């Protein structure tokens, strides 16, 4: 495994840890997802590490690389965040569940508003930064990983009273993951 892939795994695990700790204290404990979450975070981290390896040359030098990477993730998820803010809320805020019969609409919002936009913007960003089809593909996959992972609630929390909490959680995960990826890769490359 190359340094970016190893650092990507560490980044995914760090992001999951930040998510679980913040969720524990700010929302409610959900530690039971940790075993499966570790597997998903590691696989997702490999995808993000692959993207980083493909676009690294297009990013600013350290110490700004991690901030630029976190900003890039924000740009990739921004269309879905904006779309969610202009739609009617999906969740019944009293029960924090989807209303009966809204599963199809929820799946459509998740697929189109979140996954499609993240994949397309990720591909465009990868192309602009890496100038190769591999960079476009890798960054599209990384965008999907962030959408499915830490961004999974974007279509559901948009235009609700808890959207700020969701975005703050997403920002913390993204920033920690970016720092661990960039600094982990740099540390491993020196070894």
Protein backbone atom coordinates (compact mmCIF):
# COMPACT_ATOMS: atom_id res chain seq x y z
CA UNK A 1 0.00 0.00 0.00
CA UNK A 2 1.16 3.49 -0.80
CA UNK A 3 1.38 6.31 1.77
CA UNK A 4 -1.78 8.08 0.48
CA UNK A 5 -3.84 4.89 0.81
CA UNK A 6 -2.56 4.14 4.30
CA UNK A 7 -3.10 7.77 5.32
CA UNK A 8 -6.57 7.53 3.76
CA UNK A 9 -7.44 4.59 6.01
CA UNK A 10 -6.23 6.53 9.05
CA UNK A 11 -8.21 9.53 7.83
CA UNK A 12 -11.41 7.52 7.54
CA UNK A 13 -10.98 6.05 11.01
CA UNK A 14 -10.19 9.49 12.46
CA UNK A 15 -13.33 10.91 10.83
CA UNK A 16 -15.45 8.08 12.22
CA UNK A 17 -13.99 8.64 15.69
CA UNK A 18 -14.73 12.37 15.57
CA UNK A 19 -18.27 11.59 14.40
CA UNK A 20 -18.91 9.12 17.21
CA UNK A 21 -17.43 11.30 19.95
CA UNK A 22 -19.32 14.43 18.89
CA UNK A 23 -22.49 12.43 18.33
CA UNK A 24 -22.10 10.91 21.82
CA UNK A 25 -21.92 14.25 23.60
CA UNK A 26 -24.04 16.46 21.33
CA UNK A 27 -26.79 14.16 20.05
CA UNK A 28 -26.79 10.67 21.58
CA UNK A 29 -24.39 7.74 21.88
CA UNK A 30 -24.32 5.40 18.88
CA UNK A 31 -21.17 3.38 19.61
CA UNK A 32 -22.86 0.21 18.39
CA UNK A 33 -22.06 1.27 14.81
CA UNK A 34 -18.31 1.27 15.54
CA UNK A 35 -17.45 -2.28 14.28
CA UNK A 36 -19.16 -1.90 10.90
CA UNK A 37 -18.20 1.78 10.83
CA UNK A 38 -14.51 0.90 11.03
CA UNK A 39 -14.78 -1.32 7.97
CA UNK A 40 -16.70 1.31 6.02
CA UNK A 41 -14.34 4.09 7.17
CA UNK A 42 -11.27 2.10 6.12
CA UNK A 43 -12.66 1.29 2.68
CA UNK A 44 -13.88 4.86 2.23
CA UNK A 45 -10.49 6.12 3.40
CA UNK A 46 -8.78 4.11 0.67
CA UNK A 47 -10.99 5.82 -1.91
CA UNK A 48 -10.22 9.27 -0.47
CA UNK A 49 -6.50 8.43 -0.31
CA UNK A 50 -6.59 7.38 -3.97
CA UNK A 51 -8.21 10.70 -4.90
CA UNK A 52 -5.62 12.60 -2.87
CA UNK A 53 -2.78 10.80 -4.67
CA UNK A 54 -4.33 11.77 -8.03
CA UNK A 55 -4.99 15.46 -7.23
CA UNK A 56 -2.23 16.30 -4.74
CA UNK A 57 -0.14 18.15 -7.31
CA UNK A 58 -3.07 20.51 -7.99
CA UNK A 59 -3.48 21.44 -4.31
CA UNK A 60 -1.53 24.18 -2.53
CA UNK A 61 1.57 23.15 -0.57
CA UNK A 62 1.52 22.33 3.12
CA UNK A 63 0.46 23.78 5.53
CA UNK A 64 -2.48 24.84 3.33
CA UNK A 65 -3.11 21.44 1.76
CA UNK A 66 -5.42 20.13 4.48
CA UNK A 67 -7.50 23.31 4.46
CA UNK A 68 -7.75 23.19 0.68
CA UNK A 69 -8.77 19.53 0.83
CA UNK A 70 -11.44 20.25 3.45
CA UNK A 71 -12.67 23.14 1.29
CA UNK A 72 -12.77 20.85 -1.74
CA UNK A 73 -14.96 18.39 0.14
CA UNK A 74 -17.19 21.31 1.08
CA UNK A 75 -17.45 22.33 -2.58
CA UNK A 76 -18.30 18.75 -3.58
CA UNK A 77 -21.11 18.57 -1.01
CA UNK A 78 -22.29 22.19 -1.42
CA UNK A 79 -24.86 21.56 -4.20
CA UNK A 80 -26.64 18.92 -2.11
CA UNK A 81 -26.58 21.20 0.95
CA UNK A 82 -28.07 24.07 -1.05
CA UNK A 83 -30.71 21.88 -2.69
CA UNK A 84 -31.73 20.48 0.72
CA UNK A 85 -32.21 24.01 2.07
CA UNK A 86 -34.71 24.85 -0.66
CA UNK A 87 -36.78 21.68 -0.33
CA UNK A 88 -39.51 20.86 2.14
CA UNK A 89 -38.08 18.96 5.12
CA UNK A 90 -38.25 15.18 4.78
CA UNK A 91 -38.23 14.38 8.48
CA UNK A 92 -41.08 14.57 10.93
CA UNK A 93 -39.24 16.64 13.55
CA UNK A 94 -41.47 15.39 16.39
CA UNK A 95 -40.38 11.77 15.85
CA UNK A 96 -37.23 12.39 13.80
CA UNK A 97 -38.41 9.78 11.27
CA UNK A 98 -39.59 9.77 7.69
CA UNK A 99 -43.37 9.99 7.38
CA UNK A 100 -45.08 6.77 6.21
CA UNK A 101 -45.09 6.40 2.44
CA UNK A 102 -42.18 8.80 1.84
CA UNK A 103 -39.49 6.17 1.31
CA UNK A 104 -39.46 6.53 -2.48
CA UNK A 105 -39.14 10.30 -2.31
CA UNK A 106 -36.39 9.95 0.30
CA UNK A 107 -34.47 7.49 -1.86
CA UNK A 108 -34.80 9.80 -4.86
CA UNK A 109 -33.52 12.78 -2.89
CA UNK A 110 -30.64 10.72 -1.54
CA UNK A 111 -29.74 9.38 -4.99
CA UNK A 112 -30.17 12.52 -7.07
CA UNK A 113 -29.76 15.45 -4.69
CA UNK A 114 -26.83 13.95 -2.79
CA UNK A 115 -25.08 11.14 -4.67
CA UNK A 116 -25.46 12.43 -8.22
CA UNK A 117 -24.38 15.96 -7.35
CA UNK A 118 -21.44 14.79 -5.21
CA UNK A 119 -20.27 12.40 -7.93
CA UNK A 120 -20.52 14.97 -10.71
CA UNK A 121 -18.90 17.82 -8.78
CA UNK A 122 -16.24 15.42 -7.53
CA UNK A 123 -15.45 14.33 -11.08
CA UNK A 124 -15.23 17.93 -12.28
CA UNK A 125 -13.00 18.90 -9.34
CA UNK A 126 -10.78 15.87 -9.93
CA UNK A 127 -10.44 16.75 -13.59
CA UNK A 128 -9.61 20.39 -12.85
CA UNK A 129 -7.02 19.49 -10.22
CA UNK A 130 -5.48 16.35 -11.70
CA UNK A 131 -6.15 16.76 -15.42
CA UNK A 132 -6.51 13.01 -15.92
CA UNK A 133 -9.46 10.63 -16.22
CA UNK A 134 -8.09 8.76 -13.18
CA UNK A 135 -8.17 11.96 -11.09
CA UNK A 136 -11.74 12.65 -12.20
CA UNK A 137 -12.85 9.10 -11.39
CA UNK A 138 -10.99 8.95 -8.07
CA UNK A 139 -12.38 12.29 -6.90
CA UNK A 140 -15.90 11.34 -8.01
CA UNK A 141 -15.59 8.19 -5.90
CA UNK A 142 -14.21 10.22 -2.97
CA UNK A 143 -17.16 12.60 -3.31
CA UNK A 144 -19.54 9.65 -3.14
CA UNK A 145 -17.71 8.32 -0.08
CA UNK A 146 -18.11 11.63 1.75
CA UNK A 147 -21.75 11.86 0.64
CA UNK A 148 -22.60 8.34 1.83
CA UNK A 149 -20.47 8.60 4.98
CA UNK A 150 -20.47 11.88 6.86
CA UNK A 151 -22.87 13.57 4.44
CA UNK A 152 -25.63 10.95 4.53
CA UNK A 153 -28.06 13.19 6.44
CA UNK A 154 -27.77 16.23 4.15
CA UNK A 155 -31.01 15.60 2.19
CA UNK A 156 -32.93 14.82 5.38
CA UNK A 157 -31.71 17.56 7.73
CA UNK A 158 -31.89 20.38 5.18
CA UNK A 159 -34.40 23.12 5.96
CA UNK A 160 -34.94 21.83 9.51
CA UNK A 161 -34.00 23.34 12.88
CA UNK A 162 -31.09 20.89 13.25
CA UNK A 163 -29.36 21.68 9.96
CA UNK A 164 -26.74 23.79 11.74
CA UNK A 165 -25.84 20.94 14.05
CA UNK A 166 -25.54 18.56 11.10
CA UNK A 167 -23.32 20.94 9.15
CA UNK A 168 -21.11 21.62 12.19
CA UNK A 169 -20.65 17.87 12.66
CA UNK A 170 -19.87 17.45 8.95
CA UNK A 171 -17.32 20.29 9.08
CA UNK A 172 -15.53 18.80 12.11
CA UNK A 173 -15.33 15.37 10.48
CA UNK A 174 -14.11 16.83 7.21
CA UNK A 175 -11.42 19.01 8.75
CA UNK A 176 -10.02 16.25 10.98
CA UNK A 177 -10.09 13.76 8.11
CA UNK A 178 -8.27 16.18 5.80
CA UNK A 179 -5.56 16.95 8.37
CA UNK A 180 -4.99 13.26 9.13
CA UNK A 181 -4.81 12.42 5.41
CA UNK A 182 -2.39 15.18 4.45
CA UNK A 183 -0.15 14.96 7.51
CA UNK A 184 -0.29 11.16 7.59
CA UNK A 185 0.74 10.98 3.94
CA UNK A 186 3.59 13.44 4.51
CA UNK A 187 4.78 11.51 7.59
CA UNK A 188 4.64 8.16 5.78
CA UNK A 189 6.45 9.57 2.73
CA UNK A 190 9.32 10.67 4.99
CA UNK A 191 9.67 7.20 6.53
